[in-house]
Structures are given as structure tokens and as C-alpha cells.
Amino acid sequence: MSHTSTILVVEDDAIVRMLIVDVLEELEFTVLEAADAGEALALVQNTDKIIDLMMTDVGLPDMDGKQLANKVRELRATLPILFASGYAENIDVPEGMEVIGKPFSIDQLRDKVKSML
């Protein structure tokens, strides 16, 4: 891969977000962060930004991760989306979207992200 993949991490819990960002940066990804759907949409709407994958928490304060994913797909129709959820087995996700159950290990996260990119 010629460029480093860029991952947008959307997570309202600052500590969890920081941990995910650290792990992804450790794996040599470029990471953009958003604390809520509003911030995430602002980043996605900026067409100068390359985003290869969005990882979002399902439970966000302003709209849930699925609503966010639908809005993001209106802007970037092919963007792979990874949902992080404590209730992974209860979520059906559309084509091109996957779920990782919380808590997840660094290896699980790495493998899931790499398989999606």
C-alpha cells in the first residue's frame, strides 16, 4: 500500500477513544478523531480529507452510530464502516459495514481493520 490508511475514530468516551487511537497509530495508521457524530460528519464532509475507514461507537450522544453511518454513506458511498459495540451480536449491519464487540483486543482490532481496508 502506497499511502498510510486513514481511519476516522468516532467515540464519545475520551479514554476509550484515546486507547483506540493509540492502538491504531501504533499499527501505523493515520487517525482522525471525533467525539460525536457532528464532529465526524464535519470531517467526512471535508472532501480534502482522505478517509479509508470509519470506526464508530454505536452509542453516541447526538445520534446513534447507525444513523451516522447512513449519513456518512450519503457523502462517501463506499466508505467501509466498523461499529464498535458492547452488544455486537445484536446488530445487523448493511453491506460494507462490520461490527467488533467491545471489549476487543489489539489483535482483533488490527485484524478487523486490515480485513476491511
N, C-alpha and C. Protein backbone atom coordinates (compact mmCIF):
# COMPACT_ATOMS: atom_id res chain seq x y z
N MET A 1 0.84 -1.19 0.00
CA MET A 1 0.00 0.00 0.00
C MET A 1 0.87 1.24 0.00
N SER A 2 0.60 2.15 -0.90
CA SER A 2 1.49 3.29 -1.03
C SER A 2 1.23 4.35 0.04
N HIS A 3 -0.02 4.56 0.40
CA HIS A 3 -0.25 5.54 1.45
C HIS A 3 -0.69 4.83 2.72
N THR A 4 -0.48 5.53 3.83
CA THR A 4 -0.95 5.01 5.10
C THR A 4 -2.44 5.18 5.13
N SER A 5 -3.16 4.16 5.50
CA SER A 5 -4.61 4.30 5.56
C SER A 5 -5.01 5.23 6.70
N THR A 6 -6.06 6.00 6.44
CA THR A 6 -6.56 6.94 7.44
C THR A 6 -7.88 6.43 7.99
N ILE A 7 -7.94 6.38 9.31
CA ILE A 7 -9.12 5.87 9.99
C ILE A 7 -9.74 6.97 10.83
N LEU A 8 -11.02 7.17 10.65
CA LEU A 8 -11.76 8.13 11.46
C LEU A 8 -12.37 7.37 12.63
N VAL A 9 -11.99 7.76 13.84
CA VAL A 9 -12.50 7.10 15.05
C VAL A 9 -13.53 8.01 15.71
N VAL A 10 -14.75 7.51 15.84
CA VAL A 10 -15.83 8.28 16.45
C VAL A 10 -16.22 7.57 17.76
N GLU A 11 -15.92 8.23 18.86
CA GLU A 11 -16.15 7.61 20.17
C GLU A 11 -16.33 8.73 21.18
N ASP A 12 -17.45 8.74 21.90
CA ASP A 12 -17.71 9.85 22.82
C ASP A 12 -16.95 9.71 24.14
N ASP A 13 -16.52 8.51 24.48
CA ASP A 13 -15.76 8.33 25.71
C ASP A 13 -14.29 8.65 25.42
N ALA A 14 -13.81 9.74 26.00
CA ALA A 14 -12.46 10.24 25.65
C ALA A 14 -11.37 9.21 25.93
N ILE A 15 -11.51 8.45 27.01
CA ILE A 15 -10.48 7.48 27.37
C ILE A 15 -10.47 6.33 26.38
N VAL A 16 -11.65 5.83 26.06
CA VAL A 16 -11.74 4.74 25.08
C VAL A 16 -11.21 5.22 23.73
N ARG A 17 -11.60 6.44 23.35
CA ARG A 17 -11.14 6.99 22.06
C ARG A 17 -9.62 7.07 22.04
N MET A 18 -9.04 7.56 23.13
CA MET A 18 -7.59 7.70 23.20
C MET A 18 -6.90 6.33 23.05
N LEU A 19 -7.46 5.31 23.70
CA LEU A 19 -6.88 3.97 23.61
C LEU A 19 -6.94 3.44 22.18
N ILE A 20 -8.09 3.61 21.54
CA ILE A 20 -8.24 3.13 20.15
C ILE A 20 -7.27 3.87 19.24
N VAL A 21 -7.21 5.19 19.41
CA VAL A 21 -6.31 6.00 18.58
C VAL A 21 -4.85 5.55 18.78
N ASP A 22 -4.46 5.34 20.05
CA ASP A 22 -3.09 4.88 20.33
C ASP A 22 -2.79 3.57 19.62
N VAL A 23 -3.72 2.64 19.72
CA VAL A 23 -3.52 1.33 19.10
C VAL A 23 -3.37 1.47 17.59
N LEU A 24 -4.26 2.24 16.98
CA LEU A 24 -4.22 2.39 15.52
C LEU A 24 -2.95 3.11 15.07
N GLU A 25 -2.53 4.11 15.85
CA GLU A 25 -1.30 4.82 15.47
C GLU A 25 -0.09 3.90 15.61
N GLU A 26 -0.13 3.09 16.64
CA GLU A 26 0.90 2.07 16.87
C GLU A 26 0.99 1.12 15.66
N LEU A 27 -0.16 0.84 15.06
CA LEU A 27 -0.22 -0.03 13.88
C LEU A 27 0.07 0.76 12.60
N GLU A 28 0.48 1.99 12.78
CA GLU A 28 0.91 2.88 11.69
C GLU A 28 -0.21 3.35 10.78
N PHE A 29 -1.39 3.53 11.35
CA PHE A 29 -2.46 4.18 10.61
C PHE A 29 -2.44 5.66 10.95
N THR A 30 -2.96 6.47 10.03
CA THR A 30 -3.21 7.87 10.33
C THR A 30 -4.61 7.90 10.94
N VAL A 31 -4.79 8.66 12.03
CA VAL A 31 -6.08 8.64 12.71
C VAL A 31 -6.67 10.04 12.84
N LEU A 32 -7.94 10.13 12.50
CA LEU A 32 -8.72 11.34 12.74
C LEU A 32 -9.67 11.00 13.88
N GLU A 33 -9.94 11.98 14.75
CA GLU A 33 -10.80 11.69 15.90
C GLU A 33 -12.03 12.58 15.90
N ALA A 34 -13.12 12.01 16.36
CA ALA A 34 -14.34 12.78 16.56
C ALA A 34 -15.00 12.28 17.83
N ALA A 35 -15.51 13.22 18.64
CA ALA A 35 -16.14 12.84 19.91
C ALA A 35 -17.63 12.55 19.72
N ASP A 36 -18.19 12.96 18.59
CA ASP A 36 -19.61 12.71 18.35
C ASP A 36 -19.89 12.75 16.85
N ALA A 37 -21.12 12.46 16.51
CA ALA A 37 -21.49 12.38 15.09
C ALA A 37 -21.31 13.70 14.37
N GLY A 38 -21.60 14.81 15.06
CA GLY A 38 -21.44 16.12 14.43
C GLY A 38 -20.01 16.37 13.98
N GLU A 39 -19.06 16.07 14.87
CA GLU A 39 -17.64 16.23 14.52
C GLU A 39 -17.26 15.29 13.38
N ALA A 40 -17.77 14.08 13.45
CA ALA A 40 -17.45 13.09 12.43
C ALA A 40 -17.94 13.55 11.06
N LEU A 41 -19.18 14.04 11.02
CA LEU A 41 -19.75 14.50 9.74
C LEU A 41 -18.97 15.67 9.18
N ALA A 42 -18.52 16.56 10.06
CA ALA A 42 -17.72 17.70 9.58
C ALA A 42 -16.45 17.20 8.90
N LEU A 43 -15.81 16.19 9.47
CA LEU A 43 -14.60 15.63 8.87
C LEU A 43 -14.91 14.94 7.54
N VAL A 44 -16.01 14.19 7.52
CA VAL A 44 -16.37 13.44 6.32
C VAL A 44 -16.76 14.39 5.18
N GLN A 45 -17.40 15.51 5.55
CA GLN A 45 -17.83 16.49 4.53
C GLN A 45 -16.64 17.21 3.90
N ASN A 46 -15.52 17.22 4.59
CA ASN A 46 -14.33 17.87 4.06
C ASN A 46 -13.69 16.93 3.03
N THR A 47 -13.97 17.19 1.77
CA THR A 47 -13.55 16.26 0.72
C THR A 47 -12.03 16.25 0.50
N ASP A 48 -11.32 17.20 1.10
CA ASP A 48 -9.85 17.18 1.01
C ASP A 48 -9.27 16.07 1.88
N LYS A 49 -10.05 15.65 2.86
CA LYS A 49 -9.55 14.62 3.77
C LYS A 49 -9.74 13.24 3.17
N ILE A 50 -8.66 12.46 3.19
CA ILE A 50 -8.78 11.07 2.78
C ILE A 50 -9.20 10.28 4.01
N ILE A 51 -10.25 9.52 3.89
CA ILE A 51 -10.67 8.63 4.99
C ILE A 51 -10.87 7.26 4.35
N ASP A 52 -10.16 6.27 4.86
CA ASP A 52 -10.24 4.93 4.29
C ASP A 52 -11.22 4.03 5.05
N LEU A 53 -11.49 4.42 6.30
CA LEU A 53 -12.38 3.60 7.11
C LEU A 53 -12.89 4.45 8.26
N MET A 54 -14.14 4.28 8.62
CA MET A 54 -14.66 4.95 9.80
C MET A 54 -14.98 3.89 10.84
N MET A 55 -14.46 4.10 12.04
CA MET A 55 -14.79 3.21 13.15
C MET A 55 -15.61 4.04 14.13
N THR A 56 -16.82 3.59 14.39
CA THR A 56 -17.68 4.38 15.27
C THR A 56 -18.30 3.54 16.37
N ASP A 57 -18.46 4.17 17.51
CA ASP A 57 -19.20 3.56 18.60
C ASP A 57 -20.66 3.56 18.17
N VAL A 58 -21.42 2.58 18.60
CA VAL A 58 -22.84 2.56 18.24
C VAL A 58 -23.60 3.58 19.08
N GLY A 59 -23.24 3.68 20.37
CA GLY A 59 -23.95 4.62 21.24
C GLY A 59 -23.24 5.96 21.31
N LEU A 60 -23.72 6.92 20.54
CA LEU A 60 -23.15 8.28 20.57
C LEU A 60 -24.19 9.22 21.16
N PRO A 61 -23.74 10.34 21.72
CA PRO A 61 -24.69 11.24 22.39
C PRO A 61 -25.70 11.90 21.45
N ASP A 62 -25.27 12.28 20.24
CA ASP A 62 -26.16 13.10 19.41
C ASP A 62 -26.98 12.29 18.40
N MET A 63 -26.46 11.20 17.91
CA MET A 63 -27.24 10.28 17.06
C MET A 63 -26.54 8.94 17.17
N ASP A 64 -27.23 7.85 16.89
CA ASP A 64 -26.50 6.60 17.08
C ASP A 64 -25.60 6.30 15.89
N GLY A 65 -24.71 5.37 16.09
CA GLY A 65 -23.71 5.06 15.09
C GLY A 65 -24.30 4.66 13.74
N LYS A 66 -25.46 4.01 13.80
CA LYS A 66 -26.10 3.59 12.53
C LYS A 66 -26.62 4.79 11.75
N GLN A 67 -27.22 5.73 12.47
CA GLN A 67 -27.70 6.94 11.79
C GLN A 67 -26.52 7.69 11.19
N LEU A 68 -25.44 7.77 11.97
CA LEU A 68 -24.23 8.41 11.48
C LEU A 68 -23.73 7.71 10.22
N ALA A 69 -23.69 6.38 10.27
CA ALA A 69 -23.20 5.61 9.12
C ALA A 69 -24.03 5.90 7.87
N ASN A 70 -25.36 5.99 8.04
CA ASN A 70 -26.22 6.29 6.89
C ASN A 70 -25.90 7.65 6.30
N LYS A 71 -25.70 8.64 7.17
CA LYS A 71 -25.37 9.98 6.69
C LYS A 71 -24.00 10.00 6.00
N VAL A 72 -23.05 9.29 6.60
CA VAL A 72 -21.71 9.23 6.02
C VAL A 72 -21.76 8.59 4.64
N ARG A 73 -22.55 7.54 4.51
CA ARG A 73 -22.66 6.85 3.22
C ARG A 73 -23.30 7.73 2.14
N GLU A 74 -24.12 8.71 2.55
CA GLU A 74 -24.67 9.65 1.56
C GLU A 74 -23.53 10.50 0.98
N LEU A 75 -22.52 10.74 1.81
CA LEU A 75 -21.40 11.59 1.39
C LEU A 75 -20.28 10.78 0.74
N ARG A 76 -20.03 9.61 1.30
CA ARG A 76 -18.96 8.75 0.78
C ARG A 76 -19.52 7.34 0.68
N ALA A 77 -20.06 7.06 -0.48
CA ALA A 77 -20.89 5.86 -0.66
C ALA A 77 -20.15 4.55 -0.40
N THR A 78 -18.85 4.53 -0.57
CA THR A 78 -18.13 3.26 -0.48
C THR A 78 -17.28 3.12 0.78
N LEU A 79 -17.38 4.10 1.67
CA LEU A 79 -16.52 4.07 2.86
C LEU A 79 -16.83 2.86 3.75
N PRO A 80 -15.82 2.02 4.03
CA PRO A 80 -16.06 0.92 4.96
C PRO A 80 -16.30 1.46 6.37
N ILE A 81 -17.26 0.89 7.07
CA ILE A 81 -17.60 1.36 8.40
C ILE A 81 -17.56 0.20 9.38
N LEU A 82 -16.85 0.44 10.48
CA LEU A 82 -16.73 -0.57 11.53
C LEU A 82 -17.42 -0.04 12.78
N PHE A 83 -18.40 -0.78 13.27
CA PHE A 83 -19.09 -0.40 14.50
C PHE A 83 -18.43 -1.10 15.68
N ALA A 84 -18.21 -0.36 16.75
CA ALA A 84 -17.74 -0.97 17.99
C ALA A 84 -18.92 -0.97 18.95
N SER A 85 -19.22 -2.14 19.50
CA SER A 85 -20.38 -2.20 20.37
C SER A 85 -20.20 -3.25 21.45
N GLY A 86 -20.71 -2.94 22.61
CA GLY A 86 -20.73 -3.92 23.69
C GLY A 86 -21.79 -4.99 23.43
N TYR A 87 -22.63 -4.75 22.42
CA TYR A 87 -23.71 -5.69 22.12
C TYR A 87 -23.61 -6.15 20.68
N ALA A 88 -22.40 -6.51 20.27
CA ALA A 88 -22.13 -6.77 18.85
C ALA A 88 -23.08 -7.78 18.23
N GLU A 89 -23.43 -8.82 19.00
CA GLU A 89 -24.22 -9.88 18.38
C GLU A 89 -25.65 -9.44 18.07
N ASN A 90 -26.07 -8.29 18.61
CA ASN A 90 -27.45 -7.86 18.38
C ASN A 90 -27.59 -6.87 17.23
N ILE A 91 -26.54 -6.67 16.49
CA ILE A 91 -26.60 -5.63 15.47
C ILE A 91 -26.55 -6.25 14.08
N ASP A 92 -27.50 -5.89 13.22
CA ASP A 92 -27.34 -6.29 11.81
C ASP A 92 -26.86 -5.04 11.11
N VAL A 93 -25.85 -5.19 10.30
CA VAL A 93 -25.31 -4.03 9.62
C VAL A 93 -25.41 -4.21 8.12
N PRO A 94 -25.58 -3.09 7.42
CA PRO A 94 -25.65 -3.14 5.96
C PRO A 94 -24.34 -3.59 5.33
N GLU A 95 -24.40 -3.87 4.06
CA GLU A 95 -23.26 -4.22 3.22
C GLU A 95 -22.08 -3.26 3.44
N GLY A 96 -20.89 -3.81 3.53
CA GLY A 96 -19.71 -2.94 3.64
C GLY A 96 -19.48 -2.41 5.04
N MET A 97 -20.29 -2.87 5.99
CA MET A 97 -20.11 -2.44 7.38
C MET A 97 -19.92 -3.68 8.23
N GLU A 98 -19.11 -3.57 9.25
CA GLU A 98 -18.86 -4.70 10.13
C GLU A 98 -18.92 -4.25 11.58
N VAL A 99 -18.95 -5.23 12.48
CA VAL A 99 -19.05 -4.93 13.91
C VAL A 99 -17.90 -5.60 14.64
N ILE A 100 -17.33 -4.91 15.60
CA ILE A 100 -16.37 -5.53 16.51
C ILE A 100 -16.95 -5.38 17.92
N GLY A 101 -16.95 -6.46 18.67
CA GLY A 101 -17.53 -6.41 20.02
C GLY A 101 -16.55 -5.81 21.01
N LYS A 102 -17.07 -4.95 21.89
CA LYS A 102 -16.24 -4.42 22.97
C LYS A 102 -16.38 -5.34 24.17
N PRO A 103 -15.37 -5.57 24.96
CA PRO A 103 -14.01 -5.09 24.72
C PRO A 103 -13.33 -5.95 23.66
N PHE A 104 -12.43 -5.36 22.89
CA PHE A 104 -11.71 -6.13 21.88
C PHE A 104 -10.22 -6.01 22.16
N SER A 105 -9.48 -6.98 21.69
CA SER A 105 -8.02 -6.95 21.87
C SER A 105 -7.39 -6.14 20.73
N ILE A 106 -6.17 -5.76 20.93
CA ILE A 106 -5.41 -5.05 19.90
C ILE A 106 -5.35 -5.90 18.63
N ASP A 107 -5.12 -7.20 18.80
CA ASP A 107 -5.03 -8.08 17.63
C ASP A 107 -6.35 -8.16 16.88
N GLN A 108 -7.44 -8.25 17.64
CA GLN A 108 -8.76 -8.30 16.99
C GLN A 108 -9.00 -7.03 16.18
N LEU A 109 -8.66 -5.90 16.80
CA LEU A 109 -8.87 -4.63 16.12
C LEU A 109 -8.01 -4.57 14.85
N ARG A 110 -6.75 -4.93 14.98
CA ARG A 110 -5.85 -4.88 13.83
C ARG A 110 -6.36 -5.77 12.70
N ASP A 111 -6.72 -7.01 13.04
CA ASP A 111 -7.17 -7.95 12.01
C ASP A 111 -8.44 -7.47 11.33
N LYS A 112 -9.37 -6.95 12.12
CA LYS A 112 -10.64 -6.49 11.58
C LYS A 112 -10.41 -5.30 10.64
N VAL A 113 -9.62 -4.35 11.09
CA VAL A 113 -9.35 -3.16 10.27
C VAL A 113 -8.64 -3.56 8.98
N LYS A 114 -7.62 -4.40 9.10
CA LYS A 114 -6.88 -4.80 7.90
C LYS A 114 -7.76 -5.57 6.93
N SER A 115 -8.65 -6.40 7.46
CA SER A 115 -9.51 -7.17 6.56
C SER A 115 -10.49 -6.26 5.82
N MET A 116 -10.82 -5.11 6.42
CA MET A 116 -11.78 -4.20 5.81
C MET A 116 -11.16 -3.23 4.81
N LEU A 117 -9.87 -2.99 4.96
CA LEU A 117 -9.23 -1.98 4.09
C LEU A 117 -8.86 -2.54 2.72
